[in-house]
Every structure is written in structure tokens, then in C-alpha cells.
Amino acid sequence: MSQQQKLWVALVKERLYNLGWSQTQLAESVGVAKATISDTSQLNNKANQTDFLKR
């Protein structure tokens, strides 16, 4: 995952937290399946784990 993608995911997570929204609420508000939001979040977690293992 690129640095830009990681930044985007981090900003979305921060915004969700600040709004008190769940991933489901975000998905409903933008008209996509929850899996779309969940997959993006999981990709970020996997990228972070991979970065950690490379150290």
C-alpha cells in the first residue's frame, strides 16, 4: 500500500472516530457496501503488519 493510500485510510478512520460513526454508517452514507469500507481498513492493517515485520 502506498503512503498516500495509508494516509487516506488514516484520515477516514480519524473522521469516523470524530463523528462517532461506524464503518456501516459510512458505507450507507456514501452508497457502497460495508465490505468496501472494511476491505480498505483491513488492507491498511495488513500493510502496517508487513511494515512492522520488515523492520
Protein backbone atom coordinates (compact mmCIF):
# COMPACT_ATOMS: atom_id res chain seq x y z
CA MET A 1 0.00 0.00 0.00
CA SER A 2 1.38 3.40 -0.94
CA GLN A 3 2.00 6.15 1.57
CA GLN A 4 -0.84 8.14 0.01
CA GLN A 5 -3.28 5.24 0.47
CA LYS A 6 -2.15 4.77 4.08
CA LEU A 7 -2.70 8.46 4.74
CA TRP A 8 -6.17 8.36 3.19
CA VAL A 9 -7.20 5.36 5.30
CA ALA A 10 -5.85 7.01 8.45
CA LEU A 11 -7.79 10.20 7.70
CA VAL A 12 -11.00 8.25 7.11
CA LYS A 13 -10.57 6.35 10.39
CA GLU A 14 -9.92 9.61 12.24
CA ARG A 15 -13.02 11.21 10.72
CA LEU A 16 -15.15 8.17 11.63
CA TYR A 17 -13.92 8.39 15.19
CA ASN A 18 -14.60 12.13 15.41
CA LEU A 19 -18.12 11.69 14.04
CA GLY A 20 -18.78 8.64 16.20
CA TRP A 21 -19.72 6.68 13.08
CA SER A 22 -19.27 3.00 12.35
CA GLN A 23 -17.94 1.65 9.09
CA THR A 24 -21.50 0.56 8.30
CA GLN A 25 -22.81 4.12 8.73
CA LEU A 26 -20.10 5.46 6.44
CA ALA A 27 -20.85 2.84 3.80
CA GLU A 28 -24.57 3.65 3.91
CA SER A 29 -23.94 7.39 3.67
CA VAL A 30 -21.73 7.09 0.57
CA GLY A 31 -23.74 4.31 -1.06
CA VAL A 32 -21.25 1.45 -1.06
CA ALA A 33 -21.25 -1.98 0.54
CA LYS A 34 -19.81 -2.21 4.04
CA ALA A 35 -17.29 -4.69 2.64
CA THR A 36 -15.79 -1.88 0.56
CA ILE A 37 -15.04 0.15 3.67
CA SER A 38 -13.99 -2.90 5.67
CA ASP A 39 -11.64 -4.16 2.94
CA THR A 40 -9.90 -0.78 2.80
CA SER A 41 -9.43 -0.78 6.55
CA GLN A 42 -8.12 -4.35 6.53
CA LEU A 43 -5.66 -3.51 3.75
CA ASN A 44 -4.25 -0.76 5.93
CA ASN A 45 -3.89 -3.13 8.88
CA LYS A 46 -2.12 -5.72 6.71
CA ALA A 47 0.21 -3.05 5.32
CA ASN A 48 1.10 -1.91 8.83
CA GLN A 49 1.81 -5.50 9.89
CA THR A 50 4.00 -6.03 6.84
CA ASP A 51 5.91 -2.81 7.53
CA PHE A 52 6.46 -3.93 11.12
CA LEU A 53 7.76 -7.34 10.03
CA LYS A 54 10.22 -5.74 7.59
CA ARG A 55 11.98 -3.90 10.41
